[in-house]
């Protein structure tokens, strides 16, 4: 089992949730500008749901990262969870989350 690869795939799931949330917020703003607040509100709720899913992904990723760290240690390699996470784009995920949260405010 390659926990690092599993973490990478889970990060892609997380990224998809972030991108979906970002698009939903954009669409909600456009629909709101056209005058339909109920549909816009529903899309904003879906965006918030995606962020909740993304937070669930974060918890799962952290668990897998810990396994990857243990796996690396068993192979005589020094790798911390933060090192592994950084390798598979932590900064990118954080920037997307911040962008979407600022749009939701």
C-alpha atoms as a PDB file:
ATOM      1  CA  UNK A   1       0.000   0.000   0.000  1.00  0.00           C
ATOM      2  CA  UNK A   2       1.469   3.352  -1.045  1.00  0.00           C
ATOM      3  CA  UNK A   3       0.052   5.794   1.485  1.00  0.00           C
ATOM      4  CA  UNK A   4       1.773   8.721  -0.188  1.00  0.00           C
ATOM      5  CA  UNK A   5      -0.018   7.892  -3.456  1.00  0.00           C
ATOM      6  CA  UNK A   6      -3.326   7.496  -1.603  1.00  0.00           C
ATOM      7  CA  UNK A   7      -2.800  10.900   0.013  1.00  0.00           C
ATOM      8  CA  UNK A   8      -2.053  12.410  -3.391  1.00  0.00           C
ATOM      9  CA  UNK A   9      -5.300  11.022  -4.808  1.00  0.00           C
ATOM     10  CA  UNK A  10      -7.274  12.264  -1.804  1.00  0.00           C
ATOM     11  CA  UNK A  11      -5.743  15.699  -2.308  1.00  0.00           C
ATOM     12  CA  UNK A  12      -7.068  15.638  -5.859  1.00  0.00           C
ATOM     13  CA  UNK A  13     -10.537  14.864  -4.469  1.00  0.00           C
ATOM     14  CA  UNK A  14     -10.107  17.779  -2.093  1.00  0.00           C
ATOM     15  CA  UNK A  15      -9.035  20.036  -4.965  1.00  0.00           C
ATOM     16  CA  UNK A  16     -12.091  19.036  -6.973  1.00  0.00           C
ATOM     17  CA  UNK A  17     -14.337  19.954  -4.034  1.00  0.00           C
ATOM     18  CA  UNK A  18     -12.586  23.324  -3.776  1.00  0.00           C
ATOM     19  CA  UNK A  19     -12.882  24.017  -7.496  1.00  0.00           C
ATOM     20  CA  UNK A  20     -16.552  23.010  -7.485  1.00  0.00           C
ATOM     21  CA  UNK A  21     -17.251  25.291  -4.531  1.00  0.00           C
ATOM     22  CA  UNK A  22     -15.476  28.156  -6.265  1.00  0.00           C
ATOM     23  CA  UNK A  23     -17.545  27.721  -9.434  1.00  0.00           C
ATOM     24  CA  UNK A  24     -20.795  27.415  -7.457  1.00  0.00           C
ATOM     25  CA  UNK A  25     -20.083  30.701  -5.672  1.00  0.00           C
ATOM     26  CA  UNK A  26     -19.361  32.422  -8.997  1.00  0.00           C
ATOM     27  CA  UNK A  27     -22.598  31.101 -10.485  1.00  0.00           C
ATOM     28  CA  UNK A  28     -24.548  32.102  -7.391  1.00  0.00           C
ATOM     29  CA  UNK A  29     -23.292  35.680  -7.669  1.00  0.00           C
ATOM     30  CA  UNK A  30     -24.229  35.835 -11.361  1.00  0.00           C
ATOM     31  CA  UNK A  31     -27.697  34.396 -10.742  1.00  0.00           C
ATOM     32  CA  UNK A  32     -28.204  36.777  -7.837  1.00  0.00           C
ATOM     33  CA  UNK A  33     -27.253  39.683 -10.125  1.00  0.00           C
ATOM     34  CA  UNK A  34     -29.958  38.486 -12.523  1.00  0.00           C
ATOM     35  CA  UNK A  35     -32.471  38.756  -9.701  1.00  0.00           C
ATOM     36  CA  UNK A  36     -33.085  35.210  -8.468  1.00  0.00           C
ATOM     37  CA  UNK A  37     -31.983  35.135  -4.854  1.00  0.00           C
ATOM     38  CA  UNK A  38     -33.525  31.750  -4.034  1.00  0.00           C
ATOM     39  CA  UNK A  39     -31.470  29.880  -6.638  1.00  0.00           C
ATOM     40  CA  UNK A  40     -28.403  31.913  -5.686  1.00  0.00           C
ATOM     41  CA  UNK A  41     -28.895  30.963  -2.031  1.00  0.00           C
ATOM     42  CA  UNK A  42     -29.281  27.299  -2.940  1.00  0.00           C
ATOM     43  CA  UNK A  43     -26.009  27.390  -4.886  1.00  0.00           C
ATOM     44  CA  UNK A  44     -24.245  29.109  -1.975  1.00  0.00           C
ATOM     45  CA  UNK A  45     -25.505  26.329   0.308  1.00  0.00           C
ATOM     46  CA  UNK A  46     -24.082  23.748  -2.104  1.00  0.00           C
ATOM     47  CA  UNK A  47     -20.748  25.592  -2.075  1.00  0.00           C
ATOM     48  CA  UNK A  48     -20.720  25.494   1.729  1.00  0.00           C
ATOM     49  CA  UNK A  49     -21.500  21.776   1.567  1.00  0.00           C
ATOM     50  CA  UNK A  50     -18.503  21.266  -0.723  1.00  0.00           C
ATOM     51  CA  UNK A  51     -16.317  23.057   1.816  1.00  0.00           C
ATOM     52  CA  UNK A  52     -17.638  20.745   4.519  1.00  0.00           C
ATOM     53  CA  UNK A  53     -16.781  17.758   2.337  1.00  0.00           C
ATOM     54  CA  UNK A  54     -13.345  19.251   1.792  1.00  0.00           C
ATOM     55  CA  UNK A  55     -12.848  19.445   5.564  1.00  0.00           C
ATOM     56  CA  UNK A  56     -13.771  15.757   5.832  1.00  0.00           C
ATOM     57  CA  UNK A  57     -11.184  15.114   3.126  1.00  0.00           C
ATOM     58  CA  UNK A  58      -8.617  17.003   5.217  1.00  0.00           C
ATOM     59  CA  UNK A  59      -9.175  14.718   8.196  1.00  0.00           C
ATOM     60  CA  UNK A  60      -8.863  11.606   6.040  1.00  0.00           C
ATOM     61  CA  UNK A  61      -5.733  12.963   4.374  1.00  0.00           C
ATOM     62  CA  UNK A  62      -4.153  13.679   7.763  1.00  0.00           C
ATOM     63  CA  UNK A  63      -4.775  10.073   8.788  1.00  0.00           C
ATOM     64  CA  UNK A  64      -3.250   8.735   5.570  1.00  0.00           C
ATOM     65  CA  UNK A  65      -0.311  11.127   5.913  1.00  0.00           C
ATOM     66  CA  UNK A  66       0.418   9.719   9.372  1.00  0.00           C
ATOM     67  CA  UNK A  67       0.445   6.222   7.874  1.00  0.00           C
ATOM     68  CA  UNK A  68       2.788   7.447   5.123  1.00  0.00           C
ATOM     69  CA  UNK A  69       5.094   8.937   7.744  1.00  0.00           C
ATOM     70  CA  UNK A  70       5.158   5.632   9.646  1.00  0.00           C
ATOM     71  CA  UNK A  71       5.734   3.757   6.390  1.00  0.00           C
ATOM     72  CA  UNK A  72       8.697   6.006   5.550  1.00  0.00           C
ATOM     73  CA  UNK A  73      10.178   5.508   9.021  1.00  0.00           C
ATOM     74  CA  UNK A  74       9.907   1.724   8.648  1.00  0.00           C
ATOM     75  CA  UNK A  75      11.865   2.042   5.388  1.00  0.00           C
ATOM     76  CA  UNK A  76      14.557   4.100   7.111  1.00  0.00           C
ATOM     77  CA  UNK A  77      13.541   7.348   5.460  1.00  0.00           C
ATOM     78  CA  UNK A  78      12.903  10.501   7.428  1.00  0.00           C
ATOM     79  CA  UNK A  79       9.673  12.087   6.245  1.00  0.00           C
ATOM     80  CA  UNK A  80       7.319  14.115   8.352  1.00  0.00           C
ATOM     81  CA  UNK A  81       3.655  14.475   7.586  1.00  0.00           C
ATOM     82  CA  UNK A  82       4.191  18.137   6.806  1.00  0.00           C
ATOM     83  CA  UNK A  83       6.976  17.289   4.341  1.00  0.00           C
ATOM     84  CA  UNK A  84       4.792  14.762   2.564  1.00  0.00           C
ATOM     85  CA  UNK A  85       1.801  17.090   2.502  1.00  0.00           C
ATOM     86  CA  UNK A  86       3.920  19.936   1.122  1.00  0.00           C
ATOM     87  CA  UNK A  87       5.144  17.659  -1.647  1.00  0.00           C
ATOM     88  CA  UNK A  88       1.625  17.078  -2.917  1.00  0.00           C
ATOM     89  CA  UNK A  89       0.558  20.743  -2.906  1.00  0.00           C
ATOM     90  CA  UNK A  90      -0.584  21.935   0.496  1.00  0.00           C
ATOM     91  CA  UNK A  91      -0.050  25.563  -0.484  1.00  0.00           C
ATOM     92  CA  UNK A  92      -2.292  25.151  -3.518  1.00  0.00           C
ATOM     93  CA  UNK A  93      -5.137  23.673  -1.483  1.00  0.00           C
ATOM     94  CA  UNK A  94      -4.873  26.360   1.178  1.00  0.00           C
ATOM     95  CA  UNK A  95      -4.954  29.167  -1.371  1.00  0.00           C
ATOM     96  CA  UNK A  96      -8.104  27.760  -3.005  1.00  0.00           C
ATOM     97  CA  UNK A  97      -9.816  27.402   0.351  1.00  0.00           C
ATOM     98  CA  UNK A  98      -8.955  30.981   1.304  1.00  0.00           C
ATOM     99  CA  UNK A  99     -10.191  32.264  -2.060  1.00  0.00           C
ATOM    100  CA  UNK A 100     -13.539  30.499  -1.699  1.00  0.00           C
ATOM    101  CA  UNK A 101     -14.034  31.474   1.936  1.00  0.00           C
ATOM    102  CA  UNK A 102     -13.445  35.135   1.052  1.00  0.00           C
ATOM    103  CA  UNK A 103     -16.062  34.873  -1.698  1.00  0.00           C
ATOM    104  CA  UNK A 104     -18.578  33.366   0.734  1.00  0.00           C
ATOM    105  CA  UNK A 105     -18.235  36.266   3.165  1.00  0.00           C
END
